Structures are given as C-alpha cells and as structure tokens.
Amino acid sequence: MKNILTLIILILIGLLIFIYSGIYNIAATKPHTKLVLWIMHTTMERSVKTHAKGINTPTLDESLVKTGFDHYSEMCEGCHGKPGLSPSEMKTGFYHEPPDLSKGIDEWSPAELFWIIKNGIKMSAMPAFGPTHKDEELWAIVAFLRRLPDLSPDEYKEMEKAAQGKPGEHGQSHEH
C-alpha cells in the first residue's frame, strides 16, 4: 500500500513539473500527440453522450429546417462551412479544424447535437448558444443539421436566396 501511495505521489509531482515547465507546445500550428488527441476526443465524446442522456427530442420536421438554416448561416457557417465550398481562412486556422457538418453528423443523436449547440465544447472554439438562444431555436438548428448532409450546393444556395429576400430573418441579430 505504501508503494502505491509513493508511486501516485511521484506521478503527481512529475505531472506538476511537466505542466509548470511549459515544455508542451500548445500552439495551434503544432498538432497534439496521439495520446493527447485520444484523451481530448474521448473525454469530449463521453461527456456529450453522458450529459445528453435524458434530453427529450421534439419532432424535428421540415418546418424547423428553414429557421435552423437562418441560424446556421448566421452563427455556424463561418466555422463549419457550407456544401460545395472550400473552408474559410478562419476555419483552416483552427486546431482542431471545425468539422464539416455535412459529413459524419449521423454519429451524433439529435439530443447530443442539441447539448453541444446549447453548451459548447471547452478548448475547441465551439461556443455555447444556450445563454443567448431559446431551446426552440436550438432544436431548429438540430433539424437543419440533420438535413444538411442531403443538401447539394445548389439547394443550399437556393435556401440562401430565399432567406435573403425576407427582411428580419436572414441577416438578423441572434442575440436575445
């Protein structure tokens, strides 16, 4: 028992020396090690899945998609992009680069997407929109995200054109 306690203390001292040494490069231009990536990704994924349990998903019908598009185009498109376009300069400067939400979105349940949008993700540049948006607006974004993988670049452009012609909707401030 004494040996185990000594080992734990030595590990903690080693970690403190490592942390305070500043030797680990946190620059966005220097990738993390595979171990750090695994720890960060696994922690994020497990946290989202755990905290999203018990969230009741409303019906995510097509009526929410347009509202979700309006919010996505204002708040998300700059980092996550839109179908058929190369990533923005801002997106490519992030480490980790924000995911292309037109691909791989199915790995997250609607409740998990809602939780991410509402609460954000620490150390990822993903902000929490819960403090500034109603749950109904966040669910509309989820409805749009579920539709996004099926949208062609032309369909997305049509949605942009439709939104631009309606004052007070696309281009509005989303602060509440």
Protein backbone atom coordinates (compact mmCIF):
# COMPACT_ATOMS: atom_id res chain seq x y z
CA MET A 1 0.00 0.00 0.00
CA LYS A 2 2.84 2.38 0.87
CA ASN A 3 4.49 1.65 -2.51
CA ILE A 4 1.30 2.50 -4.38
CA LEU A 5 0.91 5.78 -2.49
CA THR A 6 4.55 6.66 -3.19
CA LEU A 7 4.03 5.90 -6.90
CA ILE A 8 0.93 8.11 -7.05
CA ILE A 9 2.78 10.98 -5.36
CA LEU A 10 5.71 10.63 -7.77
CA ILE A 11 3.34 10.63 -10.77
CA LEU A 12 1.61 13.78 -9.45
CA ILE A 13 4.95 15.52 -8.88
CA GLY A 14 6.04 14.53 -12.42
CA LEU A 15 2.81 15.92 -13.88
CA LEU A 16 3.25 19.19 -11.98
CA ILE A 17 6.83 19.52 -13.22
CA PHE A 18 5.64 18.83 -16.78
CA ILE A 19 2.78 21.37 -16.53
CA TYR A 20 4.85 24.14 -14.97
CA SER A 21 7.83 23.58 -17.28
CA GLY A 22 5.85 24.91 -20.26
CA ILE A 23 7.54 22.32 -22.45
CA TYR A 24 4.29 21.15 -24.05
CA ASN A 25 3.67 23.33 -27.11
CA ILE A 26 0.03 24.47 -27.20
CA ALA A 27 0.38 26.47 -30.44
CA ALA A 28 -2.46 25.86 -32.90
CA THR A 29 0.21 25.28 -35.56
CA LYS A 30 1.67 22.27 -33.72
CA PRO A 31 -0.50 19.13 -33.65
CA HIS A 32 -1.13 17.32 -30.37
CA THR A 33 0.41 13.94 -29.74
CA LYS A 34 -1.77 10.92 -30.48
CA LEU A 35 -2.20 10.30 -26.75
CA VAL A 36 -3.37 13.87 -26.07
CA LEU A 37 -5.74 13.72 -29.08
CA TRP A 38 -7.22 10.45 -27.84
CA ILE A 39 -7.68 11.82 -24.30
CA MET A 40 -9.32 15.03 -25.53
CA HIS A 41 -11.59 13.38 -28.11
CA THR A 42 -12.65 10.51 -25.86
CA THR A 43 -13.32 12.86 -22.94
CA MET A 44 -15.43 15.16 -25.16
CA GLU A 45 -17.34 12.32 -26.78
CA ARG A 46 -18.12 10.55 -23.48
CA SER A 47 -19.08 13.83 -21.80
CA VAL A 48 -21.55 14.75 -24.56
CA LYS A 49 -23.11 11.28 -24.56
CA THR A 50 -23.43 11.28 -20.76
CA HIS A 51 -24.86 14.80 -20.45
CA ALA A 52 -27.28 14.36 -23.36
CA LYS A 53 -28.95 11.35 -21.74
CA GLY A 54 -32.49 12.15 -20.75
CA ILE A 55 -32.93 15.03 -23.21
CA ASN A 56 -36.28 14.55 -24.92
CA THR A 57 -36.06 15.22 -28.64
CA PRO A 58 -39.09 17.02 -30.09
CA THR A 59 -40.38 16.23 -33.56
CA LEU A 60 -37.78 17.59 -35.97
CA ASP A 61 -39.91 18.20 -39.04
CA GLU A 62 -39.26 20.23 -42.19
CA SER A 63 -40.98 23.28 -40.69
CA LEU A 64 -37.95 23.76 -38.41
CA VAL A 65 -35.36 23.41 -41.16
CA LYS A 66 -35.79 26.94 -42.57
CA THR A 67 -35.42 28.55 -39.14
CA GLY A 68 -32.47 26.28 -38.45
CA PHE A 69 -30.91 27.32 -41.75
CA ASP A 70 -31.24 31.00 -40.82
CA HIS A 71 -29.42 30.42 -37.54
CA TYR A 72 -26.81 28.09 -39.08
CA SER A 73 -25.97 30.56 -41.85
CA GLU A 74 -25.50 33.36 -39.32
CA MET A 75 -23.72 31.54 -36.49
CA CYS A 76 -22.19 28.30 -37.77
CA GLU A 77 -21.32 28.63 -41.45
CA GLY A 78 -18.18 30.72 -40.85
CA CYS A 79 -16.50 27.87 -38.99
CA HIS A 80 -18.28 24.74 -40.26
CA GLY A 81 -18.73 25.82 -43.88
CA LYS A 82 -21.42 25.06 -46.40
CA PRO A 83 -21.83 22.40 -49.07
CA GLY A 84 -19.54 22.63 -52.07
CA LEU A 85 -17.21 25.37 -50.82
CA SER A 86 -13.67 25.23 -49.57
CA PRO A 87 -13.21 26.03 -45.89
CA SER A 88 -12.83 29.67 -44.93
CA GLU A 89 -9.45 31.04 -43.85
CA MET A 90 -10.75 31.22 -40.29
CA LYS A 91 -11.74 27.56 -40.32
CA THR A 92 -8.35 26.42 -41.58
CA GLY A 93 -6.60 28.42 -38.84
CA PHE A 94 -8.29 26.47 -36.06
CA TYR A 95 -6.66 23.48 -34.44
CA HIS A 96 -8.62 21.31 -34.50
CA GLU A 97 -10.33 22.38 -37.65
CA PRO A 98 -14.09 22.52 -37.05
CA PRO A 99 -15.82 19.51 -38.56
CA ASP A 100 -17.64 19.71 -41.88
CA LEU A 101 -21.17 19.20 -40.59
CA SER A 102 -22.40 17.97 -43.96
CA LYS A 103 -20.41 14.80 -43.26
CA GLY A 104 -20.41 12.50 -40.25
CA ILE A 105 -23.24 14.27 -38.43
CA ASP A 106 -25.08 10.95 -38.08
CA GLU A 107 -22.60 9.81 -35.41
CA TRP A 108 -24.39 12.20 -33.02
CA SER A 109 -28.00 11.80 -31.91
CA PRO A 110 -30.33 14.82 -32.07
CA ALA A 111 -30.14 15.12 -28.26
CA GLU A 112 -26.33 15.10 -28.40
CA LEU A 113 -26.28 17.78 -31.12
CA PHE A 114 -28.69 19.88 -29.06
CA TRP A 115 -26.46 19.54 -26.00
CA ILE A 116 -23.34 20.55 -27.98
CA ILE A 117 -25.05 23.59 -29.51
CA LYS A 118 -26.55 24.66 -26.19
CA ASN A 119 -23.45 24.14 -24.02
CA GLY A 120 -20.49 24.42 -26.40
CA ILE A 121 -17.23 22.48 -26.13
CA LYS A 122 -14.35 23.75 -23.99
CA MET A 123 -10.99 24.33 -25.69
CA SER A 124 -12.49 23.85 -29.17
CA ALA A 125 -13.81 27.32 -30.11
CA MET A 126 -17.34 25.85 -30.13
CA PRO A 127 -19.38 28.47 -28.25
CA ALA A 128 -22.40 27.82 -26.05
CA PHE A 129 -25.52 29.22 -27.68
CA GLY A 130 -27.80 28.29 -24.78
CA PRO A 131 -27.29 31.60 -22.94
CA THR A 132 -28.41 33.61 -26.00
CA HIS A 133 -30.99 31.38 -27.66
CA LYS A 134 -34.23 29.66 -26.79
CA ASP A 135 -34.34 25.87 -26.85
CA GLU A 136 -36.79 26.02 -29.79
CA GLU A 137 -34.18 27.87 -31.86
CA LEU A 138 -31.51 25.35 -30.92
CA TRP A 139 -33.77 22.46 -31.90
CA ALA A 140 -34.35 24.20 -35.26
CA ILE A 141 -30.57 24.19 -35.81
CA VAL A 142 -30.54 20.47 -34.99
CA ALA A 143 -33.34 19.90 -37.53
CA PHE A 144 -31.30 21.75 -40.16
CA LEU A 145 -28.12 19.82 -39.29
CA ARG A 146 -29.96 16.51 -39.76
CA ARG A 147 -30.95 17.73 -43.26
CA LEU A 148 -27.55 19.25 -44.16
CA PRO A 149 -25.82 16.03 -45.37
CA ASP A 150 -28.54 15.63 -48.02
CA LEU A 151 -28.28 19.21 -49.36
CA SER A 152 -26.45 19.83 -52.60
CA PRO A 153 -24.51 23.07 -53.03
CA ASP A 154 -27.29 24.30 -55.36
CA GLU A 155 -30.02 23.52 -52.81
CA TYR A 156 -28.06 25.38 -50.15
CA LYS A 157 -27.71 28.40 -52.48
CA GLU A 158 -31.48 28.32 -53.07
CA MET A 159 -32.06 28.42 -49.32
CA GLU A 160 -29.68 31.40 -49.10
CA LYS A 161 -31.57 33.23 -51.86
CA ALA A 162 -34.91 32.54 -50.20
CA ALA A 163 -33.62 33.77 -46.83
CA GLN A 164 -32.09 36.95 -48.26
CA GLY A 165 -35.42 38.05 -49.67
CA LYS A 166 -37.14 38.09 -46.28
CA PRO A 167 -36.24 41.05 -44.06
CA GLY A 168 -35.85 40.35 -40.37
CA GLU A 169 -34.96 36.72 -40.85
CA HIS A 170 -31.61 36.06 -42.59
CA GLY A 171 -29.08 38.63 -41.50
CA GLN A 172 -30.82 39.42 -38.24
CA SER A 173 -29.09 39.65 -34.93
CA HIS A 174 -29.49 36.41 -33.00
CA GLU A 175 -28.95 37.98 -29.61
CA HIS A 176 -31.84 37.80 -27.17
